Amino acid sequence: MSRNQKLLAITARLRERSKPSRDIYLERIAQAAAKGVSRASLSCGNLAHGFAACAAPEKAALRSDHIPNLGIVTAYNDMLSAHQPYETFPAIIREAAREAGGVAQVAGGVPAMCDGITQGQPG
């Protein structure tokens, strides 16, 4: 079996195994999309913090309830990503969002560890 065939087989198994929870997730996304943007319900303090790091054009765009604002969740951190594979991804995602008429901001992170730290260590 070629590498591509193996990846396709693994992907198919993952899709099948996650189908029930993925269907629920996709339904929630559809409901949120149908509901639309609801920044008008946020307090001024929440809006100010959410917009603070944005450039002026993004701030202006986000004042409306018509522009999507994507939250980026990253696994990158300077201390444990020695080769920095994800360092440039937020900028790439922001640019793609701009080109599509939206805004993207880093909204949070998840724990990450470079495998070089754990190589040769128990556990």
PDB file of N, CA and C in Angstrom:
ATOM      1  N   MET A   1       0.852  -1.172   0.000  1.00  0.00           N
ATOM      2  CA  MET A   1       0.000   0.000   0.000  1.00  0.00           C
ATOM      3  C   MET A   1       0.902   1.241   0.000  1.00  0.00           C
ATOM      4  N   SER A   2       0.656   2.169  -0.914  1.00  0.00           N
ATOM      5  CA  SER A   2       1.471   3.379  -0.981  1.00  0.00           C
ATOM      6  C   SER A   2       1.155   4.282   0.214  1.00  0.00           C
ATOM      7  N   ARG A   3       2.037   5.232   0.451  1.00  0.00           N
ATOM      8  CA  ARG A   3       1.847   6.156   1.567  1.00  0.00           C
ATOM      9  C   ARG A   3       0.530   6.925   1.417  1.00  0.00           C
ATOM     10  N   ASN A   4       0.231   7.403   0.208  1.00  0.00           N
ATOM     11  CA  ASN A   4      -1.015   8.138  -0.019  1.00  0.00           C
ATOM     12  C   ASN A   4      -2.237   7.263   0.240  1.00  0.00           C
ATOM     13  N   GLN A   5      -2.183   6.007  -0.206  1.00  0.00           N
ATOM     14  CA  GLN A   5      -3.306   5.095   0.032  1.00  0.00           C
ATOM     15  C   GLN A   5      -3.495   4.847   1.523  1.00  0.00           C
ATOM     16  N   LYS A   6      -2.380   4.702   2.227  1.00  0.00           N
ATOM     17  CA  LYS A   6      -2.453   4.479   3.670  1.00  0.00           C
ATOM     18  C   LYS A   6      -3.073   5.699   4.363  1.00  0.00           C
ATOM     19  N   LEU A   7      -2.655   6.903   3.978  1.00  0.00           N
ATOM     20  CA  LEU A   7      -3.233   8.121   4.557  1.00  0.00           C
ATOM     21  C   LEU A   7      -4.726   8.219   4.264  1.00  0.00           C
ATOM     22  N   LEU A   8      -5.118   7.871   3.054  1.00  0.00           N
ATOM     23  CA  LEU A   8      -6.540   7.894   2.697  1.00  0.00           C
ATOM     24  C   LEU A   8      -7.328   6.894   3.537  1.00  0.00           C
ATOM     25  N   ALA A   9      -6.753   5.715   3.759  1.00  0.00           N
ATOM     26  CA  ALA A   9      -7.424   4.694   4.568  1.00  0.00           C
ATOM     27  C   ALA A   9      -7.558   5.152   6.022  1.00  0.00           C
ATOM     28  N   ILE A  10      -6.502   5.746   6.559  1.00  0.00           N
ATOM     29  CA  ILE A  10      -6.542   6.251   7.936  1.00  0.00           C
ATOM     30  C   ILE A  10      -7.577   7.366   8.052  1.00  0.00           C
ATOM     31  N   THR A  11      -7.586   8.275   7.080  1.00  0.00           N
ATOM     32  CA  THR A  11      -8.553   9.376   7.080  1.00  0.00           C
ATOM     33  C   THR A  11      -9.980   8.847   7.033  1.00  0.00           C
ATOM     34  N   ALA A  12     -10.226   7.841   6.211  1.00  0.00           N
ATOM     35  CA  ALA A  12     -11.569   7.250   6.111  1.00  0.00           C
ATOM     36  C   ALA A  12     -11.986   6.634   7.450  1.00  0.00           C
ATOM     37  N   ARG A  13     -11.055   5.938   8.121  1.00  0.00           N
ATOM     38  CA  ARG A  13     -11.369   5.345   9.427  1.00  0.00           C
ATOM     39  C   ARG A  13     -11.668   6.429  10.462  1.00  0.00           C
ATOM     40  N   LEU A  14     -10.881   7.496  10.446  1.00  0.00           N
ATOM     41  CA  LEU A  14     -11.122   8.605  11.379  1.00  0.00           C
ATOM     42  C   LEU A  14     -12.485   9.248  11.133  1.00  0.00           C
ATOM     43  N   ARG A  15     -12.821   9.455   9.871  1.00  0.00           N
ATOM     44  CA  ARG A  15     -14.125  10.044   9.543  1.00  0.00           C
ATOM     45  C   ARG A  15     -15.263   9.156  10.033  1.00  0.00           C
ATOM     46  N   GLU A  16     -15.134   7.866   9.813  1.00  0.00           N
ATOM     47  CA  GLU A  16     -16.188   6.936  10.222  1.00  0.00           C
ATOM     48  C   GLU A  16     -16.311   6.901  11.746  1.00  0.00           C
ATOM     49  N   ARG A  17     -15.174   6.834  12.417  1.00  0.00           N
ATOM     50  CA  ARG A  17     -15.180   6.746  13.876  1.00  0.00           C
ATOM     51  C   ARG A  17     -15.734   8.023  14.522  1.00  0.00           C
ATOM     52  N   SER A  18     -15.465   9.169  13.908  1.00  0.00           N
ATOM     53  CA  SER A  18     -15.892  10.438  14.503  1.00  0.00           C
ATOM     54  C   SER A  18     -17.224  10.941  13.955  1.00  0.00           C
ATOM     55  N   LYS A  19     -17.866  10.166  13.086  1.00  0.00           N
ATOM     56  CA  LYS A  19     -19.086  10.629  12.417  1.00  0.00           C
ATOM     57  C   LYS A  19     -20.167  11.125  13.376  1.00  0.00           C
ATOM     58  N   PRO A  20     -20.521  10.385  14.431  1.00  0.00           N
ATOM     59  CA  PRO A  20     -21.594  10.886  15.310  1.00  0.00           C
ATOM     60  C   PRO A  20     -21.272  12.257  15.926  1.00  0.00           C
ATOM     61  N   SER A  21     -20.074  12.399  16.489  1.00  0.00           N
ATOM     62  CA  SER A  21     -19.741  13.683  17.119  1.00  0.00           C
ATOM     63  C   SER A  21     -19.487  14.763  16.070  1.00  0.00           C
ATOM     64  N   ARG A  22     -18.943  14.393  14.925  1.00  0.00           N
ATOM     65  CA  ARG A  22     -18.714  15.379  13.862  1.00  0.00           C
ATOM     66  C   ARG A  22     -20.040  15.887  13.304  1.00  0.00           C
ATOM     67  N   ASP A  23     -21.028  15.010  13.166  1.00  0.00           N
ATOM     68  CA  ASP A  23     -22.348  15.441  12.689  1.00  0.00           C
ATOM     69  C   ASP A  23     -22.955  16.481  13.634  1.00  0.00           C
ATOM     70  N   ILE A  24     -22.803  16.255  14.944  1.00  0.00           N
ATOM     71  CA  ILE A  24     -23.297  17.227  15.931  1.00  0.00           C
ATOM     72  C   ILE A  24     -22.551  18.547  15.772  1.00  0.00           C
ATOM     73  N   TYR A  25     -21.240  18.467  15.626  1.00  0.00           N
ATOM     74  CA  TYR A  25     -20.406  19.663  15.438  1.00  0.00           C
ATOM     75  C   TYR A  25     -20.823  20.428  14.184  1.00  0.00           C
ATOM     76  N   LEU A  26     -20.999  19.724  13.081  1.00  0.00           N
ATOM     77  CA  LEU A  26     -21.384  20.377  11.829  1.00  0.00           C
ATOM     78  C   LEU A  26     -22.764  21.019  11.935  1.00  0.00           C
ATOM     79  N   GLU A  27     -23.671  20.384  12.669  1.00  0.00           N
ATOM     80  CA  GLU A  27     -24.997  20.971  12.885  1.00  0.00           C
ATOM     81  C   GLU A  27     -24.888  22.261  13.695  1.00  0.00           C
ATOM     82  N   ARG A  28     -24.044  22.255  14.712  1.00  0.00           N
ATOM     83  CA  ARG A  28     -23.844  23.471  15.515  1.00  0.00           C
ATOM     84  C   ARG A  28     -23.261  24.597  14.666  1.00  0.00           C
ATOM     85  N   ILE A  29     -22.333  24.264  13.789  1.00  0.00           N
ATOM     86  CA  ILE A  29     -21.754  25.273  12.895  1.00  0.00           C
ATOM     87  C   ILE A  29     -22.830  25.842  11.982  1.00  0.00           C
ATOM     88  N   ALA A  30     -23.671  24.974  11.441  1.00  0.00           N
ATOM     89  CA  ALA A  30     -24.750  25.429  10.553  1.00  0.00           C
ATOM     90  C   ALA A  30     -25.714  26.344  11.303  1.00  0.00           C
ATOM     91  N   GLN A  31     -26.044  25.987  12.545  1.00  0.00           N
ATOM     92  CA  GLN A  31     -26.938  26.828  13.348  1.00  0.00           C
ATOM     93  C   GLN A  31     -26.305  28.186  13.639  1.00  0.00           C
ATOM     94  N   ALA A  32     -25.020  28.189  13.970  1.00  0.00           N
ATOM     95  CA  ALA A  32     -24.327  29.450  14.250  1.00  0.00           C
ATOM     96  C   ALA A  32     -24.267  30.318  13.004  1.00  0.00           C
ATOM     97  N   ALA A  33     -24.018  29.701  11.853  1.00  0.00           N
ATOM     98  CA  ALA A  33     -23.970  30.459  10.599  1.00  0.00           C
ATOM     99  C   ALA A  33     -25.335  31.055  10.279  1.00  0.00           C
ATOM    100  N   ALA A  34     -26.391  30.289  10.518  1.00  0.00           N
ATOM    101  CA  ALA A  34     -27.745  30.782  10.251  1.00  0.00           C
ATOM    102  C   ALA A  34     -28.115  31.913  11.206  1.00  0.00           C
ATOM    103  N   LYS A  35     -27.631  31.823  12.434  1.00  0.00           N
ATOM    104  CA  LYS A  35     -27.909  32.846  13.440  1.00  0.00           C
ATOM    105  C   LYS A  35     -27.195  34.152  13.101  1.00  0.00           C
ATOM    106  N   GLY A  36     -26.015  34.034  12.518  1.00  0.00           N
ATOM    107  CA  GLY A  36     -25.262  35.224  12.128  1.00  0.00           C
ATOM    108  C   GLY A  36     -24.404  35.775  13.254  1.00  0.00           C
ATOM    109  N   VAL A  37     -23.734  36.866  12.951  1.00  0.00           N
ATOM    110  CA  VAL A  37     -22.838  37.528  13.894  1.00  0.00           C
ATOM    111  C   VAL A  37     -23.674  38.271  14.929  1.00  0.00           C
ATOM    112  N   SER A  38     -23.231  38.261  16.179  1.00  0.00           N
ATOM    113  CA  SER A  38     -24.018  38.935  17.222  1.00  0.00           C
ATOM    114  C   SER A  38     -23.141  39.784  18.141  1.00  0.00           C
ATOM    115  N   ARG A  39     -22.235  40.552  17.558  1.00  0.00           N
ATOM    116  CA  ARG A  39     -21.386  41.406  18.386  1.00  0.00           C
ATOM    117  C   ARG A  39     -22.184  42.508  19.084  1.00  0.00           C
ATOM    118  N   ALA A  40     -23.329  42.874  18.538  1.00  0.00           N
ATOM    119  CA  ALA A  40     -24.134  43.947  19.130  1.00  0.00           C
ATOM    120  C   ALA A  40     -24.568  43.612  20.553  1.00  0.00           C
ATOM    121  N   SER A  41     -24.590  42.335  20.900  1.00  0.00           N
ATOM    122  CA  SER A  41     -25.018  41.941  22.243  1.00  0.00           C
ATOM    123  C   SER A  41     -23.879  41.997  23.262  1.00  0.00           C
ATOM    124  N   LEU A  42     -22.659  42.273  22.809  1.00  0.00           N
ATOM    125  CA  LEU A  42     -21.513  42.325  23.721  1.00  0.00           C
ATOM    126  C   LEU A  42     -21.393  43.697  24.366  1.00  0.00           C
ATOM    127  N   SER A  43     -20.834  43.727  25.570  1.00  0.00           N
ATOM    128  CA  SER A  43     -20.628  45.006  26.251  1.00  0.00           C
ATOM    129  C   SER A  43     -19.494  45.777  25.584  1.00  0.00           C
ATOM    130  N   CYS A  44     -19.455  47.082  25.825  1.00  0.00           N
ATOM    131  CA  CYS A  44     -18.394  47.920  25.249  1.00  0.00           C
ATOM    132  C   CYS A  44     -17.014  47.435  25.683  1.00  0.00           C
ATOM    133  N   GLY A  45     -16.889  47.007  26.951  1.00  0.00           N
ATOM    134  CA  GLY A  45     -15.604  46.513  27.445  1.00  0.00           C
ATOM    135  C   GLY A  45     -15.149  45.272  26.709  1.00  0.00           C
ATOM    136  N   ASN A  46     -16.075  44.355  26.464  1.00  0.00           N
ATOM    137  CA  ASN A  46     -15.726  43.147  25.711  1.00  0.00           C
ATOM    138  C   ASN A  46     -15.301  43.499  24.295  1.00  0.00           C
ATOM    139  N   LEU A  47     -16.043  44.385  23.663  1.00  0.00           N
ATOM    140  CA  LEU A  47     -15.703  44.786  22.296  1.00  0.00           C
ATOM    141  C   LEU A  47     -14.348  45.474  22.254  1.00  0.00           C
ATOM    142  N   ALA A  48     -14.100  46.375  23.198  1.00  0.00           N
ATOM    143  CA  ALA A  48     -12.833  47.107  23.218  1.00  0.00           C
ATOM    144  C   ALA A  48     -11.654  46.153  23.349  1.00  0.00           C
ATOM    145  N   HIS A  49     -11.762  45.162  24.228  1.00  0.00           N
ATOM    146  CA  HIS A  49     -10.673  44.200  24.383  1.00  0.00           C
ATOM    147  C   HIS A  49     -10.517  43.334  23.139  1.00  0.00           C
ATOM    148  N   GLY A  50     -11.620  42.970  22.547  1.00  0.00           N
ATOM    149  CA  GLY A  50     -11.571  42.133  21.351  1.00  0.00           C
ATOM    150  C   GLY A  50     -10.968  42.838  20.151  1.00  0.00           C
ATOM    151  N   PHE A  51     -11.139  44.143  20.080  1.00  0.00           N
ATOM    152  CA  PHE A  51     -10.655  44.908  18.927  1.00  0.00           C
ATOM    153  C   PHE A  51      -9.279  45.531  19.161  1.00  0.00           C
ATOM    154  N   ALA A  52      -8.824  45.596  20.406  1.00  0.00           N
ATOM    155  CA  ALA A  52      -7.643  46.382  20.772  1.00  0.00           C
ATOM    156  C   ALA A  52      -6.407  46.090  19.927  1.00  0.00           C
ATOM    157  N   ALA A  53      -6.127  44.841  19.654  1.00  0.00           N
ATOM    158  CA  ALA A  53      -4.903  44.499  18.932  1.00  0.00           C
ATOM    159  C   ALA A  53      -5.053  44.586  17.417  1.00  0.00           C
ATOM    160  N   CYS A  54      -6.242  44.887  16.942  1.00  0.00           N
ATOM    161  CA  CYS A  54      -6.489  44.947  15.496  1.00  0.00           C
ATOM    162  C   CYS A  54      -5.976  46.250  14.894  1.00  0.00           C
ATOM    163  N   ALA A  55      -5.640  46.195  13.627  1.00  0.00           N
ATOM    164  CA  ALA A  55      -5.295  47.402  12.879  1.00  0.00           C
ATOM    165  C   ALA A  55      -6.566  48.222  12.668  1.00  0.00           C
ATOM    166  N   ALA A  56      -6.411  49.505  12.383  1.00  0.00           N
ATOM    167  CA  ALA A  56      -7.557  50.414  12.229  1.00  0.00           C
ATOM    168  C   ALA A  56      -8.602  49.902  11.235  1.00  0.00           C
ATOM    169  N   PRO A  57      -8.205  49.404  10.052  1.00  0.00           N
ATOM    170  CA  PRO A  57      -9.234  48.913   9.121  1.00  0.00           C
ATOM    171  C   PRO A  57     -10.024  47.721   9.674  1.00  0.00           C
ATOM    172  N   GLU A  58      -9.335  46.854  10.434  1.00  0.00           N
ATOM    173  CA  GLU A  58     -10.019  45.704  11.029  1.00  0.00           C
ATOM    174  C   GLU A  58     -10.982  46.157  12.122  1.00  0.00           C
ATOM    175  N   LYS A  59     -10.568  47.145  12.916  1.00  0.00           N
ATOM    176  CA  LYS A  59     -11.456  47.677  13.955  1.00  0.00           C
ATOM    177  C   LYS A  59     -12.726  48.227  13.322  1.00  0.00           C
ATOM    178  N   ALA A  60     -12.551  48.979  12.252  1.00  0.00           N
ATOM    179  CA  ALA A  60     -13.718  49.554  11.567  1.00  0.00           C
ATOM    180  C   ALA A  60     -14.622  48.449  11.031  1.00  0.00           C
ATOM    181  N   ALA A  61     -14.021  47.421  10.456  1.00  0.00           N
ATOM    182  CA  ALA A  61     -14.809  46.316   9.898  1.00  0.00           C
ATOM    183  C   ALA A  61     -15.564  45.573  10.995  1.00  0.00           C
ATOM    184  N   LEU A  62     -14.916  45.366  12.129  1.00  0.00           N
ATOM    185  CA  LEU A  62     -15.535  44.601  13.211  1.00  0.00           C
ATOM    186  C   LEU A  62     -16.653  45.357  13.922  1.00  0.00           C
ATOM    187  N   ARG A  63     -16.719  46.661  13.736  1.00  0.00           N
ATOM    188  CA  ARG A  63     -17.814  47.428  14.354  1.00  0.00           C
ATOM    189  C   ARG A  63     -19.171  47.023  13.792  1.00  0.00           C
ATOM    190  N   SER A  64     -19.167  46.464  12.608  1.00  0.00           N
ATOM    191  CA  SER A  64     -20.431  46.016  12.015  1.00  0.00           C
ATOM    192  C   SER A  64     -20.720  44.587  12.468  1.00  0.00           C
ATOM    193  N   ASP A  65     -21.925  44.154  12.254  1.00  0.00           N
ATOM    194  CA  ASP A  65     -22.287  42.767  12.551  1.00  0.00           C
ATOM    195  C   ASP A  65     -22.274  41.916  11.285  1.00  0.00           C
ATOM    196  N   HIS A  66     -21.551  42.360  10.276  1.00  0.00           N
ATOM    197  CA  HIS A  66     -21.582  41.657   8.992  1.00  0.00           C
ATOM    198  C   HIS A  66     -20.262  40.991   8.628  1.00  0.00           C
ATOM    199  N   ILE A  67     -19.210  41.280   9.358  1.00  0.00           N
ATOM    200  CA  ILE A  67     -17.881  40.764   9.033  1.00  0.00           C
ATOM    201  C   ILE A  67     -17.562  39.578   9.946  1.00  0.00           C
ATOM    202  N   PRO A  68     -17.200  38.432   9.380  1.00  0.00           N
ATOM    203  CA  PRO A  68     -16.815  37.308  10.238  1.00  0.00           C
ATOM    204  C   PRO A  68     -15.494  37.589  10.952  1.00  0.00           C
ATOM    205  N   ASN A  69     -15.391  37.140  12.175  1.00  0.00           N
ATOM    206  CA  ASN A  69     -14.171  37.270  12.965  1.00  0.00           C
ATOM    207  C   ASN A  69     -13.766  35.870  13.407  1.00  0.00           C
ATOM    208  N   LEU A  70     -12.688  35.369  12.833  1.00  0.00           N
ATOM    209  CA  LEU A  70     -12.229  34.012  13.117  1.00  0.00           C
ATOM    210  C   LEU A  70     -11.300  34.004  14.318  1.00  0.00           C
ATOM    211  N   GLY A  71     -11.483  33.046  15.199  1.00  0.00           N
ATOM    212  CA  GLY A  71     -10.577  32.860  16.323  1.00  0.00           C
ATOM    213  C   GLY A  71      -9.555  31.796  15.967  1.00  0.00           C
ATOM    214  N   ILE A  72      -8.285  32.142  16.074  1.00  0.00           N
ATOM    215  CA  ILE A  72      -7.197  31.201  15.791  1.00  0.00           C
ATOM    216  C   ILE A  72      -6.765  30.576  17.117  1.00  0.00           C
ATOM    217  N   VAL A  73      -6.740  29.257  17.176  1.00  0.00           N
ATOM    218  CA  VAL A  73      -6.214  28.544  18.334  1.00  0.00           C
ATOM    219  C   VAL A  73      -4.922  27.891  17.870  1.00  0.00           C
ATOM    220  N   THR A  74      -3.828  28.231  18.520  1.00  0.00           N
ATOM    221  CA  THR A  74      -2.518  27.793  18.053  1.00  0.00           C
ATOM    222  C   THR A  74      -1.843  26.854  19.051  1.00  0.00           C
ATOM    223  N   ALA A  75      -0.959  26.024  18.550  1.00  0.00           N
ATOM    224  CA  ALA A  75      -0.145  25.157  19.396  1.00  0.00           C
ATOM    225  C   ALA A  75       1.294  25.655  19.422  1.00  0.00           C
ATOM    226  N   TYR A  76       1.526  26.848  18.886  1.00  0.00           N
ATOM    227  CA  TYR A  76       2.880  27.379  18.815  1.00  0.00           C
ATOM    228  C   TYR A  76       3.254  28.102  20.099  1.00  0.00           C
ATOM    229  N   ASN A  77       4.454  27.894  20.558  1.00  0.00           N
ATOM    230  CA  ASN A  77       5.030  28.761  21.588  1.00  0.00           C
ATOM    231  C   ASN A  77       6.536  28.796  21.394  1.00  0.00           C
ATOM    232  N   ASP A  78       7.145  29.926  21.692  1.00  0.00           N
ATOM    233  CA  ASP A  78       8.572  30.128  21.437  1.00  0.00           C
ATOM    234  C   ASP A  78       9.471  29.180  22.222  1.00  0.00           C
ATOM    235  N   MET A  79       9.103  28.855  23.451  1.00  0.00           N
ATOM    236  CA  MET A  79       9.986  28.052  24.289  1.00  0.00           C
ATOM    237  C   MET A  79      10.070  26.594  23.855  1.00  0.00           C
ATOM    238  N   LEU A  80       8.964  26.056  23.355  1.00  0.00           N
ATOM    239  CA  LEU A  80       8.935  24.623  23.073  1.00  0.00           C
ATOM    240  C   LEU A  80       8.759  24.295  21.599  1.00  0.00           C
ATOM    241  N   SER A  81       8.897  25.277  20.756  1.00  0.00           N
ATOM    242  CA  SER A  81       8.792  25.040  19.315  1.00  0.00           C
ATOM    243  C   SER A  81      10.111  25.444  18.667  1.00  0.00           C
ATOM    244  N   ALA A  82      11.152  24.694  18.969  1.00  0.00           N
ATOM    245  CA  ALA A  82      12.507  25.059  18.567  1.00  0.00           C
ATOM    246  C   ALA A  82      12.648  25.339  17.082  1.00  0.00           C
ATOM    247  N   HIS A  83      11.941  24.605  16.270  1.00  0.00           N
ATOM    248  CA  HIS A  83      12.061  24.786  14.823  1.00  0.00           C
ATOM    249  C   HIS A  83      11.035  25.771  14.277  1.00  0.00           C
ATOM    250  N   GLN A  84      10.185  26.260  15.140  1.00  0.00           N
ATOM    251  CA  GLN A  84       9.185  27.286  14.827  1.00  0.00           C
ATOM    252  C   GLN A  84       8.310  26.960  13.616  1.00  0.00           C
ATOM    253  N   PRO A  85       7.780  25.728  13.531  1.00  0.00           N
ATOM    254  CA  PRO A  85       6.998  25.373  12.341  1.00  0.00           C
ATOM    255  C   PRO A  85       5.678  26.124  12.217  1.00  0.00           C
ATOM    256  N   TYR A  86       5.129  26.593  13.336  1.00  0.00           N
ATOM    257  CA  TYR A  86       3.813  27.243  13.277  1.00  0.00           C
ATOM    258  C   TYR A  86       3.878  28.754  13.494  1.00  0.00           C
ATOM    259  N   GLU A  87       5.060  29.302  13.656  1.00  0.00           N
ATOM    260  CA  GLU A  87       5.193  30.718  13.996  1.00  0.00           C
ATOM    261  C   GLU A  87       4.487  31.638  12.999  1.00  0.00           C
ATOM    262  N   THR A  88       4.557  31.331  11.727  1.00  0.00           N
ATOM    263  CA  THR A  88       3.995  32.234  10.714  1.00  0.00           C
ATOM    264  C   THR A  88       2.535  31.946  10.375  1.00  0.00           C
ATOM    265  N   PHE A  89       1.971  30.888  10.926  1.00  0.00           N
ATOM    266  CA  PHE A  89       0.604  30.514  10.542  1.00  0.00           C
ATOM    267  C   PHE A  89      -0.451  31.558  10.887  1.00  0.00           C
ATOM    268  N   PRO A  90      -0.422  32.198  12.077  1.00  0.00           N
ATOM    269  CA  PRO A  90      -1.442  33.220  12.331  1.00  0.00           C
ATOM    270  C   PRO A  90      -1.454  34.327  11.270  1.00  0.00           C
ATOM    271  N   ALA A  91      -0.296  34.777  10.831  1.00  0.00           N
ATOM    272  CA  ALA A  91      -0.244  35.815   9.791  1.00  0.00           C
ATOM    273  C   ALA A  91      -0.824  35.304   8.475  1.00  0.00           C
ATOM    274  N   ILE A  92      -0.544  34.059   8.147  1.00  0.00           N
ATOM    275  CA  ILE A  92      -1.086  33.467   6.916  1.00  0.00           C
ATOM    276  C   ILE A  92      -2.611  33.379   7.004  1.00  0.00           C
ATOM    277  N   ILE A  93      -3.109  32.949   8.155  1.00  0.00           N
ATOM    278  CA  ILE A  93      -4.561  32.831   8.351  1.00  0.00           C
ATOM    279  C   ILE A  93      -5.214  34.208   8.334  1.00  0.00           C
ATOM    280  N   ARG A  94      -4.565  35.198   8.976  1.00  0.00           N
ATOM    281  CA  ARG A  94      -5.111  36.571   8.960  1.00  0.00           C
ATOM    282  C   ARG A  94      -5.240  37.090   7.534  1.00  0.00           C
ATOM    283  N   GLU A  95      -4.214  36.870   6.730  1.00  0.00           N
ATOM    284  CA  GLU A  95      -4.240  37.346   5.338  1.00  0.00           C
ATOM    285  C   GLU A  95      -5.344  36.651   4.547  1.00  0.00           C
ATOM    286  N   ALA A  96      -5.492  35.351   4.729  1.00  0.00           N
ATOM    287  CA  ALA A  96      -6.560  34.619   4.030  1.00  0.00           C
ATOM    288  C   ALA A  96      -7.929  35.140   4.462  1.00  0.00           C
ATOM    289  N   ALA A  97      -8.090  35.426   5.749  1.00  0.00           N
ATOM    290  CA  ALA A  97      -9.366  35.974   6.237  1.00  0.00           C
ATOM    291  C   ALA A  97      -9.633  37.343   5.615  1.00  0.00           C
ATOM    292  N   ARG A  98      -8.594  38.195   5.555  1.00  0.00           N
ATOM    293  CA  ARG A  98      -8.748  39.517   4.928  1.00  0.00           C
ATOM    294  C   ARG A  98      -9.190  39.383   3.483  1.00  0.00           C
ATOM    295  N   GLU A  99      -8.526  38.483   2.754  1.00  0.00           N
ATOM    296  CA  GLU A  99      -8.856  38.281   1.338  1.00  0.00           C
ATOM    297  C   GLU A  99     -10.291  37.788   1.165  1.00  0.00           C
ATOM    298  N   ALA A 100     -10.804  37.073   2.160  1.00  0.00           N
ATOM    299  CA  ALA A 100     -12.175  36.550   2.087  1.00  0.00           C
ATOM    300  C   ALA A 100     -13.189  37.518   2.702  1.00  0.00           C
ATOM    301  N   GLY A 101     -12.715  38.690   3.156  1.00  0.00           N
ATOM    302  CA  GLY A 101     -13.624  39.691   3.699  1.00  0.00           C
ATOM    303  C   GLY A 101     -13.868  39.584   5.188  1.00  0.00           C
ATOM    304  N   GLY A 102     -12.968  38.945   5.906  1.00  0.00           N
ATOM    305  CA  GLY A 102     -13.131  38.790   7.346  1.00  0.00           C
ATOM    306  C   GLY A 102     -11.911  39.251   8.110  1.00  0.00           C
ATOM    307  N   VAL A 103     -11.909  38.949   9.387  1.00  0.00           N
ATOM    308  CA  VAL A 103     -10.812  39.281  10.292  1.00  0.00           C
ATOM    309  C   VAL A 103     -10.480  38.006  11.060  1.00  0.00           C
ATOM    310  N   ALA A 104      -9.210  37.807  11.380  1.00  0.00           N
ATOM    311  CA  ALA A 104      -8.809  36.661  12.201  1.00  0.00           C
ATOM    312  C   ALA A 104      -7.871  37.137  13.294  1.00  0.00           C
ATOM    313  N   GLN A 105      -8.061  36.600  14.494  1.00  0.00           N
ATOM    314  CA  GLN A 105      -7.242  36.961  15.644  1.00  0.00           C
ATOM    315  C   GLN A 105      -6.874  35.700  16.415  1.00  0.00           C
ATOM    316  N   VAL A 106      -5.664  35.680  16.994  1.00  0.00           N
ATOM    317  CA  VAL A 106      -5.308  34.571  17.875  1.00  0.00           C
ATOM    318  C   VAL A 106      -6.175  34.701  19.122  1.00  0.00           C
ATOM    319  N   ALA A 107      -6.938  33.654  19.398  1.00  0.00           N
ATOM    320  CA  ALA A 107      -7.883  33.674  20.509  1.00  0.00           C
ATOM    321  C   ALA A 107      -7.428  32.802  21.669  1.00  0.00           C
ATOM    322  N   GLY A 108      -6.441  31.952  21.435  1.00  0.00           N
ATOM    323  CA  GLY A 108      -5.983  31.083  22.507  1.00  0.00           C
ATOM    324  C   GLY A 108      -4.943  30.104  22.011  1.00  0.00           C
ATOM    325  N   GLY A 109      -4.449  29.320  22.924  1.00  0.00           N
ATOM    326  CA  GLY A 109      -3.443  28.335  22.574  1.00  0.00           C
ATOM    327  C   GLY A 109      -3.704  27.026  23.294  1.00  0.00           C
ATOM    328  N   VAL A 110      -3.060  26.009  22.808  1.00  0.00           N
ATOM    329  CA  VAL A 110      -3.139  24.696  23.434  1.00  0.00           C
ATOM    330  C   VAL A 110      -1.722  24.269  23.791  1.00  0.00           C
ATOM    331  N   PRO A 111      -1.561  23.385  24.765  1.00  0.00           N
ATOM    332  CA  PRO A 111      -0.219  22.959  25.140  1.00  0.00           C
ATOM    333  C   PRO A 111       0.523  22.342  23.955  1.00  0.00           C
ATOM    334  N   ALA A 112       1.798  22.624  23.892  1.00  0.00           N
ATOM    335  CA  ALA A 112       2.621  22.075  22.818  1.00  0.00           C
ATOM    336  C   ALA A 112       3.976  21.691  23.387  1.00  0.00           C
ATOM    337  N   MET A 113       4.589  20.702  22.778  1.00  0.00           N
ATOM    338  CA  MET A 113       5.931  20.343  23.184  1.00  0.00           C
ATOM    339  C   MET A 113       6.690  19.808  21.985  1.00  0.00           C
ATOM    340  N   CYS A 114       7.892  20.284  21.827  1.00  0.00           N
ATOM    341  CA  CYS A 114       8.769  19.794  20.771  1.00  0.00           C
ATOM    342  C   CYS A 114       9.191  18.372  21.128  1.00  0.00           C
ATOM    343  N   ASP A 115       9.141  17.477  20.170  1.00  0.00           N
ATOM    344  CA  ASP A 115       9.504  16.086  20.470  1.00  0.00           C
ATOM    345  C   ASP A 115      10.965  15.962  20.884  1.00  0.00           C
ATOM    346  N   GLY A 116      11.793  16.945  20.546  1.00  0.00           N
ATOM    347  CA  GLY A 116      13.195  16.916  20.951  1.00  0.00           C
ATOM    348  C   GLY A 116      13.368  16.969  22.459  1.00  0.00           C
ATOM    349  N   ILE A 117      12.409  17.542  23.155  1.00  0.00           N
ATOM    350  CA  ILE A 117      12.477  17.635  24.614  1.00  0.00           C
ATOM    351  C   ILE A 117      12.295  16.259  25.235  1.00  0.00           C
ATOM    352  N   THR A 118      11.436  15.457  24.645  1.00  0.00           N
ATOM    353  CA  THR A 118      11.091  14.168  25.243  1.00  0.00           C
ATOM    354  C   THR A 118      11.896  12.999  24.688  1.00  0.00           C
ATOM    355  N   GLN A 119      12.670  13.217  23.651  1.00  0.00           N
ATOM    356  CA  GLN A 119      13.432  12.112  23.066  1.00  0.00           C
ATOM    357  C   GLN A 119      14.410  11.550  24.089  1.00  0.00           C
ATOM    358  N   GLY A 120      14.378  10.248  24.233  1.00  0.00           N
ATOM    359  CA  GLY A 120      15.288   9.575  25.149  1.00  0.00           C
ATOM    360  C   GLY A 120      14.876   9.657  26.608  1.00  0.00           C
ATOM    361  N   GLN A 121      13.704  10.194  26.875  1.00  0.00           N
ATOM    362  CA  GLN A 121      13.223  10.323  28.247  1.00  0.00           C
ATOM    363  C   GLN A 121      12.089   9.324  28.479  1.00  0.00           C
ATOM    364  N   PRO A 122      11.985   8.779  29.683  1.00  0.00           N
ATOM    365  CA  PRO A 122      10.874   7.868  29.955  1.00  0.00           C
ATOM    366  C   PRO A 122       9.545   8.618  29.967  1.00  0.00           C
ATOM    367  N   GLY A 123       8.480   7.897  29.583  1.00  0.00           N
ATOM    368  CA  GLY A 123       7.142   8.458  29.679  1.00  0.00           C
ATOM    369  C   GLY A 123       6.604   9.074  28.483  1.00  0.00           C
TER     370      GLY A 123
END
